Protein backbone atom coordinates (compact mmCIF):
# COMPACT_ATOMS: atom_id res chain seq x y z
CA MET A 1 105.89 82.76 60.97
CA ASN A 2 106.25 85.03 57.97
CA ASN A 3 108.57 82.81 55.90
CA LEU A 4 109.36 85.35 53.21
CA LEU A 5 112.36 83.39 51.91
CA ASN A 6 110.31 80.20 51.58
CA ILE A 7 112.84 78.27 53.67
CA LYS A 8 112.06 74.59 54.04
CA THR A 9 111.23 73.75 57.67
CA PRO A 10 111.83 70.43 59.48
CA ALA A 11 108.23 69.14 59.27
CA GLN A 12 107.30 70.67 55.93
CA ASP A 13 107.16 67.33 54.10
CA GLN A 14 104.72 65.94 56.70
CA ALA A 15 102.57 69.08 56.93
CA HIS A 16 99.55 67.55 55.16
CA ALA A 17 99.86 63.93 56.33
CA LEU A 18 97.00 64.35 58.81
CA LYS A 19 95.02 67.03 57.00
CA ALA A 20 91.27 67.20 57.54
CA ASP A 21 88.86 67.21 54.62
CA TYR A 22 87.24 70.28 56.20
CA SER A 23 89.97 72.68 55.08
CA LEU A 24 91.03 76.14 56.20
CA SER A 25 89.47 77.63 53.09
CA ASN A 26 86.10 76.58 54.50
CA GLN A 27 86.82 78.99 57.32
CA GLY A 28 87.95 81.88 55.16
CA PHE A 29 91.72 81.35 55.25
CA THR A 30 93.34 81.62 51.82
CA ASN A 31 96.81 82.18 50.38
CA ILE A 32 98.51 80.58 53.38
CA ARG A 33 102.15 79.74 52.67
CA LEU A 34 101.79 76.38 54.38
CA ALA A 35 99.40 74.90 56.92
CA TYR A 36 100.94 72.30 59.23
CA TRP A 37 98.17 69.88 60.13
CA ASN A 38 98.10 67.97 63.41
CA LEU A 39 101.85 67.57 63.80
CA PRO A 40 102.91 65.20 66.60
CA THR A 41 104.92 66.41 69.58
CA GLU A 42 108.31 65.42 68.12
CA SER A 43 107.72 67.37 64.90
CA LEU A 44 106.47 70.37 66.82
CA TYR A 45 109.63 70.35 68.95
CA GLU A 46 111.68 70.60 65.76
CA GLU A 47 109.53 73.44 64.42
CA ILE A 48 109.62 75.34 67.72
CA VAL A 49 113.41 75.22 67.89
CA PHE A 50 113.85 75.90 64.16
CA ARG A 51 111.66 79.00 64.41
CA GLY A 52 113.37 80.28 67.54
CA GLU A 53 110.21 80.05 69.62
CA GLY A 54 111.76 78.03 72.45
CA HIS A 55 114.63 75.94 73.81
CA ILE A 56 114.92 72.34 74.98
CA SER A 57 115.87 72.04 78.64
CA HIS A 58 117.45 69.26 80.71
CA LYS A 59 115.45 66.00 80.50
CA GLY A 60 113.41 67.32 77.58
CA PRO A 61 110.79 69.94 78.54
CA ILE A 62 110.65 72.79 76.07
CA ILE A 63 110.93 76.31 77.46
CA VAL A 64 108.91 79.06 75.80
CA PRO A 65 108.27 82.73 76.56
CA SER A 66 104.79 84.22 76.28
CA GLY A 67 106.03 87.75 75.58
CA LYS A 68 104.50 90.85 77.13
CA HIS A 69 101.53 88.95 78.56
CA THR A 70 102.46 86.42 81.23
CA ALA A 71 98.86 85.97 82.39
CA ARG A 72 95.32 86.21 81.08
CA ALA A 73 94.28 89.63 79.82
CA ALA A 74 90.86 89.37 81.49
CA GLN A 75 89.91 92.97 80.73
CA ASP A 76 90.49 92.46 77.01
CA LYS A 77 87.94 89.67 76.58
CA PHE A 78 84.72 90.31 74.64
CA VAL A 79 81.65 88.38 73.56
CA VAL A 80 79.85 89.23 70.33
CA ARG A 81 76.32 90.41 71.10
CA GLU A 82 73.87 88.97 68.59
CA PRO A 83 70.20 87.88 68.65
CA THR A 84 70.64 84.10 68.89
CA THR A 85 72.56 84.14 72.19
CA GLU A 86 72.29 87.59 73.81
CA ALA A 87 69.42 86.61 76.14
CA ASP A 88 71.57 83.83 77.66
CA VAL A 89 74.68 85.88 78.41
CA TRP A 90 75.55 87.47 81.76
CA TRP A 91 76.66 90.79 80.32
CA GLY A 92 79.02 92.96 82.33
CA GLN A 93 82.54 92.90 83.68
CA TYR A 94 83.53 89.51 82.25
CA ASN A 95 81.32 89.29 79.18
CA ARG A 96 81.81 92.65 77.57
CA PRO A 97 79.54 93.09 74.53
CA TYR A 98 81.17 93.41 71.12
CA SER A 99 79.31 94.22 67.92
CA ARG A 100 78.91 91.85 65.00
CA GLU A 101 80.21 94.50 62.62
CA LYS A 102 83.40 95.17 64.56
CA PHE A 103 84.04 91.44 64.91
CA ASP A 104 83.65 90.91 61.16
CA ASP A 105 86.04 93.79 60.43
CA LEU A 106 88.61 92.56 62.95
CA PHE A 107 88.45 88.98 61.69
CA THR A 108 88.74 90.12 58.08
CA ARG A 109 91.94 92.01 58.91
CA LEU A 110 93.27 88.97 60.77
CA GLN A 111 92.57 86.79 57.71
CA GLY A 112 94.56 89.26 55.61
CA PHE A 113 97.38 89.33 58.15
CA VAL A 114 98.01 85.56 57.96
CA GLN A 115 98.15 85.44 54.17
CA GLY A 116 101.59 84.33 53.02
CA ARG A 117 102.38 82.99 56.50
CA ASP A 118 102.66 79.54 58.00
CA LEU A 119 99.84 78.36 60.25
CA PHE A 120 99.58 75.38 62.58
CA VAL A 121 96.35 73.44 63.00
CA GLN A 122 95.37 70.99 65.72
CA ASP A 123 92.01 69.23 65.41
CA CYS A 124 90.97 67.84 68.77
CA PHE A 125 88.10 67.58 71.25
CA ALA A 126 86.91 69.15 74.49
CA GLY A 127 85.02 66.79 76.77
CA ALA A 128 85.82 63.18 77.69
CA HIS A 129 82.13 62.23 77.67
CA PRO A 130 81.14 61.01 74.20
CA ASP A 131 77.65 62.54 74.49
CA TYR A 132 79.01 65.99 75.32
CA ARG A 133 82.25 66.07 73.33
CA LEU A 134 82.89 69.25 71.33
CA PRO A 135 85.11 69.00 68.22
CA VAL A 136 87.46 71.97 68.30
CA ARG A 137 90.05 73.35 65.92
CA ILE A 138 92.99 75.41 67.19
CA ILE A 139 94.68 77.49 64.47
CA THR A 140 97.88 79.15 65.62
CA GLU A 141 100.63 81.41 64.37
CA PHE A 142 103.19 79.80 66.70
CA ALA A 143 104.26 76.17 66.65
CA TRP A 144 104.42 76.05 70.46
CA HIS A 145 100.75 77.01 70.68
CA SER A 146 99.97 74.01 68.48
CA HIS A 147 101.96 71.85 70.89
CA PHE A 148 100.08 73.47 73.80
CA ALA A 149 96.73 72.58 72.19
CA ARG A 150 97.95 69.04 71.68
CA ASN A 151 98.86 68.79 75.36
CA MET A 152 95.69 70.35 76.69
CA PHE A 153 92.87 68.89 74.60
CA ILE A 154 91.72 65.36 73.76
CA LEU A 155 93.25 63.99 70.57
CA PRO A 156 91.69 61.92 67.77
CA LYS A 157 92.77 58.30 67.82
CA SER A 158 93.26 57.55 64.12
CA ALA A 159 94.13 59.08 60.76
CA ASP A 160 90.49 58.67 59.71
CA GLU A 161 89.32 60.60 62.76
CA TYR A 162 91.65 63.43 61.79
CA ARG A 163 90.50 63.37 58.17
CA LEU A 164 86.79 63.48 59.08
CA HIS A 165 87.13 66.09 61.82
CA VAL A 166 84.68 69.01 61.48
CA PRO A 167 85.09 71.68 64.18
CA GLY A 168 82.15 72.68 66.34
CA PHE A 169 84.20 75.64 67.54
CA THR A 170 87.46 77.18 66.30
CA VAL A 171 90.07 79.28 68.09
CA VAL A 172 92.48 81.39 66.05
CA ALA A 173 95.52 82.63 67.99
CA ALA A 174 97.75 85.15 66.20
CA PRO A 175 99.82 87.01 68.85
CA SER A 176 101.64 89.17 66.28
CA PHE A 177 98.35 90.61 65.05
CA GLN A 178 97.14 93.52 67.14
CA ALA A 179 93.93 95.47 67.37
CA PHE A 180 93.73 99.22 66.78
CA PRO A 181 91.54 100.48 69.65
CA PRO A 182 90.18 103.66 67.97
CA ILE A 183 88.78 101.53 65.13
CA ASP A 184 88.18 98.18 66.81
CA GLY A 185 86.65 99.44 70.05
CA THR A 186 89.02 97.38 72.18
CA ARG A 187 90.65 98.51 75.40
CA SER A 188 94.16 97.89 74.08
CA ASP A 189 95.92 96.20 71.17
CA THR A 190 95.20 92.84 72.85
CA PHE A 191 91.89 91.11 72.30
CA ILE A 192 90.09 87.85 72.99
CA VAL A 193 86.71 87.85 71.23
CA LEU A 194 84.22 84.97 71.28
CA ASN A 195 81.46 84.70 68.70
CA PHE A 196 79.00 81.92 69.59
CA GLU A 197 76.96 82.50 66.45
CA GLN A 198 79.97 81.88 64.19
CA GLN A 199 81.47 79.25 66.53
CA LEU A 200 84.72 81.19 66.49
CA ALA A 201 87.12 82.85 68.92
CA ILE A 202 89.97 85.10 67.82
CA ILE A 203 92.98 86.05 69.95
CA GLY A 204 95.55 88.72 69.12
CA GLY A 205 98.24 90.67 70.93
CA SER A 206 98.87 87.94 73.52
CA ALA A 207 100.90 84.73 73.36
CA TYR A 208 99.90 83.51 76.84
CA GLY A 209 98.88 79.87 76.36
CA GLY A 210 96.12 80.05 78.94
CA GLU A 211 94.04 82.27 76.65
CA ILE A 212 93.54 79.35 74.23
CA LYS A 213 92.61 76.93 77.00
CA LYS A 214 90.18 79.31 78.70
CA ALA A 215 88.51 80.33 75.44
CA ILE A 216 87.34 76.74 74.95
CA PHE A 217 86.42 76.45 78.63
CA THR A 218 84.20 79.52 78.24
CA VAL A 219 82.52 77.87 75.26
CA MET A 220 81.84 74.70 77.27
CA ASN A 221 80.48 76.84 80.11
CA TYR A 222 77.99 78.29 77.67
CA LEU A 223 76.92 75.15 75.81
CA LEU A 224 76.71 72.39 78.42
CA PRO A 225 74.46 73.98 81.08
CA LYS A 226 71.84 74.45 78.35
CA GLU A 227 71.81 70.62 78.18
CA GLY A 228 71.53 70.17 81.95
CA VAL A 229 75.25 69.46 82.43
CA MET A 230 76.99 71.42 85.17
CA ALA A 231 80.18 73.07 83.84
CA MET A 232 82.73 73.60 86.60
CA HIS A 233 86.05 75.36 87.18
CA CYS A 234 87.39 72.59 89.37
CA SER A 235 89.79 69.69 89.60
CA ALA A 236 88.54 66.18 90.33
CA ASN A 237 89.90 62.90 91.62
CA GLN A 238 88.52 59.52 92.65
CA GLY A 239 89.28 57.10 95.49
CA ASP A 240 89.43 53.32 95.50
CA ASP A 241 85.73 53.15 96.34
CA ASP A 242 84.91 55.29 93.28
CA ASP A 243 84.18 58.25 95.57
CA VAL A 244 84.74 61.39 93.51
CA ALA A 245 85.90 64.69 95.01
CA LEU A 246 85.62 68.08 93.31
CA PHE A 247 87.96 71.00 94.10
CA PHE A 248 86.57 74.42 93.11
CA GLY A 249 88.96 77.35 93.13
CA LEU A 250 90.74 80.05 91.19
CA SER A 251 94.27 79.61 89.88
CA GLY A 252 96.76 79.46 92.73
CA THR A 253 94.35 78.15 95.37
CA GLY A 254 95.47 74.52 95.15
CA LYS A 255 93.18 72.82 92.63
CA THR A 256 96.02 71.13 90.79
CA SER A 257 98.21 70.40 93.81
CA LEU A 258 95.48 68.95 96.03
CA SER A 259 93.88 66.83 93.32
CA ALA A 260 97.24 65.29 92.34
CA ASP A 261 97.06 62.83 95.23
CA PRO A 262 99.13 59.61 94.86
CA ASN A 263 96.44 57.74 96.83
CA ARG A 264 93.63 58.74 94.49
CA SER A 265 93.12 58.63 90.73
CA LEU A 266 93.19 61.97 88.93
CA ILE A 267 90.24 62.73 86.65
CA GLY A 268 91.47 66.20 85.72
CA ASP A 269 93.03 69.34 87.19
CA ASP A 270 90.92 72.30 86.10
CA GLU A 271 87.74 71.92 84.00
CA HIS A 272 84.90 69.40 84.33
CA GLY A 273 81.30 68.67 83.57
CA TRP A 274 78.78 66.90 85.83
CA ALA A 275 76.23 64.93 83.83
CA ASP A 276 73.51 62.49 84.92
CA ASP A 277 75.99 59.61 84.81
CA GLY A 278 78.90 61.31 86.60
CA VAL A 279 81.80 63.71 86.21
CA PHE A 280 84.03 64.08 83.14
CA ASN A 281 87.11 66.09 82.26
CA PHE A 282 86.98 68.69 79.50
CA GLU A 283 90.70 68.39 78.82
CA GLY A 284 93.43 65.93 77.99
CA GLY A 285 96.17 67.70 79.93
CA CYS A 286 97.19 69.78 82.93
CA TYR A 287 98.31 73.42 83.14
CA ALA A 288 100.00 73.66 86.52
CA LYS A 289 101.46 76.70 88.21
CA VAL A 290 105.07 75.75 89.04
CA ILE A 291 106.68 78.65 90.88
CA GLN A 292 108.57 77.17 93.86
CA LEU A 293 107.25 73.72 92.98
CA SER A 294 108.41 71.21 95.59
CA PRO A 295 109.49 67.66 94.67
CA SER A 296 108.46 66.49 98.15
CA ALA A 297 105.12 68.28 98.50
CA GLU A 298 104.04 67.93 94.85
CA PRO A 299 106.06 64.99 93.49
CA GLN A 300 103.77 64.11 90.57
CA ILE A 301 103.57 67.62 89.13
CA TYR A 302 107.31 68.04 89.69
CA ALA A 303 108.08 64.82 87.82
CA ALA A 304 105.69 65.70 84.98
CA SER A 305 107.40 69.08 84.63
CA HIS A 306 110.75 67.40 83.92
CA ARG A 307 109.72 65.28 80.94
CA PHE A 308 109.96 65.46 77.18
CA GLY A 309 106.66 66.74 75.84
CA THR A 310 106.09 69.22 78.66
CA ILE A 311 105.91 72.93 77.87
CA LEU A 312 107.40 75.22 80.52
CA GLU A 313 106.01 78.69 80.00
CA ASN A 314 108.13 81.61 81.24
CA VAL A 315 110.32 79.34 83.39
CA ILE A 316 113.91 80.46 83.90
CA TYR A 317 116.72 78.12 82.82
CA ASP A 318 120.50 78.11 82.52
CA PRO A 319 121.35 78.31 78.78
CA VAL A 320 124.61 76.40 79.34
CA THR A 321 123.50 73.49 81.54
CA ARG A 322 119.82 73.70 80.43
CA LEU A 323 118.78 73.15 84.05
CA ILE A 324 115.55 74.88 85.03
CA ASP A 325 115.02 77.03 88.12
CA LEU A 326 111.46 76.74 89.37
CA ASP A 327 112.15 79.21 92.20
CA ASP A 328 113.08 82.10 89.88
CA ASP A 329 110.24 84.56 89.27
CA GLU A 330 112.31 86.95 87.12
CA ILE A 331 109.72 86.87 84.32
CA THR A 332 106.58 86.21 86.36
CA GLU A 333 105.18 84.50 89.45
CA ASN A 334 102.77 82.79 87.07
CA THR A 335 105.19 80.25 85.60
CA ARG A 336 103.33 77.30 84.06
CA SER A 337 103.80 73.68 83.06
CA SER A 338 101.61 72.16 80.35
CA TYR A 339 101.70 68.38 80.01
CA PRO A 340 99.42 65.52 78.95
CA LEU A 341 97.23 64.04 81.67
CA GLY A 342 98.98 60.70 81.14
CA PHE A 343 102.16 62.16 82.65
CA ILE A 344 100.44 61.77 86.04
CA ASP A 345 100.91 58.10 86.97
CA ASN A 346 97.50 57.62 88.54
CA ALA A 347 95.45 59.63 86.05
CA LEU A 348 92.28 57.95 84.81
CA PRO A 349 92.73 57.38 81.06
CA SER A 350 88.98 57.72 80.49
CA GLY A 351 88.84 61.18 82.09
CA ARG A 352 85.55 60.13 83.70
CA GLY A 353 84.33 59.29 87.19
CA GLY A 354 81.17 58.75 89.18
CA HIS A 355 79.06 61.25 91.09
CA PRO A 356 80.88 63.42 93.67
CA LYS A 357 80.73 62.40 97.30
CA ASN A 358 82.60 65.51 98.50
CA ILE A 359 82.81 69.03 97.12
CA LEU A 360 85.62 71.29 98.30
CA LEU A 361 85.38 75.06 97.87
CA LEU A 362 88.98 76.26 98.01
CA THR A 363 89.52 79.74 99.33
CA CYS A 364 92.93 81.34 99.61
CA ASP A 365 92.15 83.74 102.46
CA ALA A 366 94.73 86.51 102.39
CA SER A 367 93.05 88.10 105.44
CA GLY A 368 94.15 85.20 107.62
CA VAL A 369 90.84 84.91 109.50
CA MET A 370 88.89 82.04 107.93
CA PRO A 371 88.97 78.59 109.57
CA PRO A 372 91.20 76.02 107.85
CA ILE A 373 88.23 73.78 107.08
CA ALA A 374 84.47 73.96 107.69
CA LYS A 375 81.48 71.81 106.80
CA LEU A 376 78.77 73.67 104.90
CA THR A 377 75.04 73.25 104.75
CA PRO A 378 73.56 73.10 101.22
CA ASP A 379 72.46 76.75 101.48
CA GLN A 380 75.89 77.83 102.74
CA ALA A 381 77.49 75.90 99.90
CA MET A 382 75.41 77.83 97.38
CA TYR A 383 76.13 81.16 99.08
CA HIS A 384 79.88 80.56 98.99
CA PHE A 385 79.79 79.09 95.50
CA ILE A 386 78.04 82.20 94.18
CA SER A 387 80.35 84.47 96.22
CA GLY A 388 83.54 82.70 95.16
CA TYR A 389 85.70 84.36 97.81
CA THR A 390 89.45 83.93 97.42
CA SER A 391 92.60 85.87 96.65
CA LYS A 392 94.15 86.17 93.23
CA VAL A 393 97.78 85.20 93.62
CA GLY A 394 101.03 85.40 91.74
CA GLY A 395 100.17 87.31 88.57
CA THR A 396 97.51 84.93 87.25
CA GLU A 397 95.91 87.93 85.54
CA VAL A 398 97.51 90.95 83.92
CA GLY A 399 97.95 93.71 86.49
CA LEU A 400 98.43 91.43 89.50
CA GLY A 401 101.66 91.78 91.41
CA GLU A 402 103.25 89.56 94.00
CA GLU A 403 100.85 90.52 96.80
CA PRO A 404 97.54 88.58 96.80
CA GLU A 405 94.44 90.55 95.89
CA ILE A 406 91.23 89.76 97.77
CA THR A 407 88.47 89.07 95.29
CA PHE A 408 85.05 87.54 94.82
CA SER A 409 84.84 85.48 91.65
CA ALA A 410 81.37 84.02 91.16
CA CYS A 411 81.30 80.24 90.77
CA PHE A 412 85.06 80.29 91.48
CA GLY A 413 85.61 81.23 87.86
CA ALA A 414 83.58 84.32 86.93
CA PRO A 415 85.78 85.29 83.95
CA PHE A 416 84.75 82.05 82.22
CA MET A 417 81.05 81.96 83.15
CA VAL A 418 78.74 83.03 80.35
CA HIS A 419 75.37 82.49 82.04
CA HIS A 420 74.33 84.27 85.25
CA PRO A 421 75.97 82.74 88.36
CA ALA A 422 72.57 81.86 89.81
CA PHE A 423 71.98 79.61 86.79
CA TYR A 424 75.09 77.56 87.59
CA ALA A 425 74.38 77.59 91.33
CA ASP A 426 70.87 76.23 90.85
CA LEU A 427 72.18 73.45 88.62
CA LEU A 428 74.89 72.57 91.14
CA ALA A 429 72.43 72.61 94.07
CA ARG A 430 70.07 70.21 92.31
CA LYS A 431 72.90 67.79 91.53
CA MET A 432 74.30 67.94 95.07
CA GLU A 433 70.86 67.23 96.52
CA ARG A 434 70.14 64.43 94.08
CA TYR A 435 73.45 62.61 94.66
CA GLY A 436 74.02 63.46 98.36
CA ALA A 437 77.36 65.28 98.14
CA HIS A 438 78.98 66.80 101.26
CA ALA A 439 80.28 70.38 100.91
CA TRP A 440 83.38 71.77 102.62
CA LEU A 441 85.15 75.12 102.70
CA LEU A 442 88.93 74.51 102.66
CA ASN A 443 91.18 77.49 103.34
CA THR A 444 94.59 77.31 101.64
CA GLY A 445 95.49 80.90 102.56
CA TRP A 446 97.13 82.64 105.51
CA VAL A 447 97.11 82.01 109.27
CA GLY A 448 98.43 84.11 112.17
CA GLY A 449 97.69 87.35 110.36
CA PRO A 450 97.06 88.66 106.85
CA TYR A 451 99.54 88.42 103.98
CA GLY A 452 102.81 90.05 105.04
CA VAL A 453 102.23 89.30 108.74
CA GLY A 454 101.07 85.69 108.97
CA LYS A 455 102.20 82.72 106.93
CA ARG A 456 100.52 80.45 104.42
CA ILE A 457 98.94 77.41 106.02
CA SER A 458 101.06 74.28 105.85
CA ILE A 459 100.22 72.16 102.82
CA ALA A 460 100.83 69.13 105.06
CA TYR A 461 98.02 70.30 107.36
CA THR A 462 95.78 71.03 104.39
CA ARG A 463 96.36 67.57 102.96
CA ALA A 464 95.69 65.94 106.34
CA MET A 465 92.37 67.79 106.72
CA LEU A 466 91.45 66.98 103.15
CA THR A 467 92.20 63.29 103.65
CA ALA A 468 90.10 63.23 106.81
CA ALA A 469 87.19 64.86 104.98
CA LEU A 470 87.39 62.51 102.00
CA ASN A 471 87.67 59.29 104.01
CA GLY A 472 84.85 60.26 106.37
CA ASP A 473 86.91 60.84 109.54
CA LEU A 474 85.67 64.43 109.89
CA LEU A 475 82.04 63.31 109.88
CA ASP A 476 82.56 61.71 113.31
CA VAL A 477 84.33 64.49 115.24
CA GLU A 478 82.94 67.23 117.47
CA TYR A 479 82.20 70.58 115.82
CA TYR A 480 81.64 74.12 117.01
CA THR A 481 79.41 76.65 115.24
CA GLU A 482 81.42 79.64 114.12
CA PRO A 483 79.14 82.60 114.99
CA VAL A 484 79.75 84.93 112.02
CA PHE A 485 79.28 82.62 109.03
CA GLY A 486 77.57 79.80 110.89
CA PHE A 487 80.20 77.29 109.73
CA GLN A 488 80.49 73.93 111.40
CA VAL A 489 84.20 73.84 112.25
CA PRO A 490 85.79 70.61 113.53
CA LYS A 491 87.50 70.80 116.92
CA SER A 492 90.01 68.14 116.00
CA CYS A 493 91.48 66.15 113.13
CA PRO A 494 94.00 63.28 113.05
CA ASN A 495 97.64 64.45 112.82
CA ILE A 496 96.83 68.15 113.37
CA PRO A 497 97.12 70.21 116.62
CA ASP A 498 93.67 71.17 117.92
CA ASP A 499 94.46 74.89 118.14
CA VAL A 500 94.85 75.05 114.34
CA PHE A 501 91.04 75.00 114.10
CA ASP A 502 90.69 78.29 115.98
CA PRO A 503 92.40 80.81 113.67
CA ALA A 504 92.17 83.60 116.27
CA LYS A 505 94.64 81.79 118.54
CA SER A 506 97.46 82.23 116.04
CA TRP A 507 97.02 86.01 115.91
CA PRO A 508 99.08 88.21 118.27
CA SER A 509 95.97 90.33 118.99
CA LYS A 510 92.35 89.20 119.31
CA GLU A 511 91.18 92.75 118.59
CA ALA A 512 93.18 92.85 115.35
CA TYR A 513 91.70 89.49 114.38
CA ASN A 514 88.14 90.63 115.06
CA ASP A 515 88.66 93.85 113.15
CA LYS A 516 89.98 92.01 110.09
CA TYR A 517 87.14 89.47 110.31
CA ARG A 518 84.56 92.26 110.51
CA GLN A 519 86.01 93.84 107.38
CA LEU A 520 85.90 90.54 105.50
CA ALA A 521 82.33 89.73 106.58
CA ALA A 522 81.19 93.19 105.48
CA ARG A 523 82.78 92.64 102.07
CA PHE A 524 80.87 89.37 101.72
CA VAL A 525 77.59 91.13 102.46
CA GLU A 526 78.31 93.95 100.04
CA ASN A 527 79.41 91.61 97.26
CA PHE A 528 76.32 89.39 97.52
CA LYS A 529 73.94 92.31 97.04
CA LYS A 530 74.36 92.03 93.28
CA PHE A 531 73.18 88.40 93.35
CA ALA A 532 70.43 88.68 95.95
CA ASP A 533 67.55 89.38 93.55
CA ASP A 534 68.30 86.18 91.59
CA SER A 535 69.00 83.92 94.60
CA PRO A 536 66.52 82.06 96.83
CA PRO A 537 65.89 83.73 100.25
CA GLU A 538 67.40 80.78 102.14
CA VAL A 539 70.67 81.17 100.20
CA CYS A 540 70.79 84.92 100.87
CA GLU A 541 70.29 84.24 104.58
CA ALA A 542 73.21 81.77 104.62
CA GLY A 543 75.75 84.62 104.57
CA PRO A 544 77.65 86.19 107.48
CA ASP A 545 76.19 88.11 110.40
CA VAL A 546 78.61 91.02 110.78
CA GLY A 547 77.22 91.86 114.22
CA GLN A 548 78.45 88.54 115.58
CA VAL A 549 82.14 89.25 115.01
CA ASP A 550 82.72 90.23 118.64
CA ASN A 551 81.28 86.89 119.81
CA LEU A 552 84.13 84.92 118.26
CA SER A 553 85.85 84.07 121.54
CA ARG A 554 84.97 80.58 122.69
């Protein structure tokens, strides 16, 4: 906020109560009107409302808009190319190189832009494991972004911890500051630039909260695998027998919904590491997609999204009654709820669990041809992990409309992977082999035809199949070998009609089904060509046999 009139704000007197000794001037920020350090949720609510950034809704969630960007601007993300890290980076579509000189110029202008303005600072941590915890600092122009950081990351536990906090990585988010493409070499006036050498990320031109969260996730994806820790875009939960399950998938495929199981303890909903002593959450909160959220199908997320302390991003509400409408997509399909992990009743306070017993690769198949669940061999698991087949849904990235877009996102999170996908796949394969994890492909997409013809598979069926896989029931049923991908597909599952496991039966035409399956298999083959040279032969051979499509009838 550019407080030109020097108006006293609600939390101004407490702005320095939790100030760190490692000040903003150490990071090149000078002549700031006032820095608000580590304000608690209640103070941030007051600042958000005072500054006109948001409104309090019924039962207490605060509603905020993210402006022109209602999703991640994936094409506007850059990584500074410099000698100390360039050999480790998977350069290309998701890690676009950016020069040191342009970064320095852009950051210098950003530092000038914030002079005379108020800034909000949250000092926190990424990583629940004490051996792999990264101290992070989130510096924001908006008060609601400071609240978002407080919800999403792990907080210090004492005033001394705040005072002694020294960031290992800093994110600066200034949505009002924009790049000038002819000078800055950016694609647009929006930018997300990561500089591993300077331990700094800068964000401008976008107020979408997910950019802050994913910037730190990208950093963890770079740092931890170099220490032998698998960094994963997945949710995780744990049963009564300490059996951990991992759910890999892109936004909208069911990671958050399926892991929020009242019969299992939640470790985390989106970002995790797998170390030699088990799995740990990177975050202290959840960032759930809430369009058409159902109180019956997703009761825990629904309840968490109706509490004081929750941020509802781009959710529609009635300004008179302050009631929210989770079915209204007037602003975007990608409406979001950010809340502390503790808002989920059965969340593990430690954010840590044992070694995974089951690994679920979630695919939202918009073609409507994949089986609802299949057991994978280790080589098939690696093939599908590297492929990362799914459909982007509901505007989770800029440029996406309502209709799902078939995509292959390596490691089920290519935009956040800094190393080559084969590097992550090899690390995952070694951990799965060492700890004996079962791998499953779980389809949360369409049945009876592609999007627009068929319908999305029942979440009740998906949950029933998932439960059977996690409790071991699916290990004892009869399977058939699907001829194209070689999947082992169960012929039955408790509480589900047997014909659900043959997706062709729900199509009006077997020929139309085969044609769509042939197209999908061919896309798998074409996509994997770019990974073949860096993948073991047995993994390359675990892909589909397009010629077998016409042998699908059983």
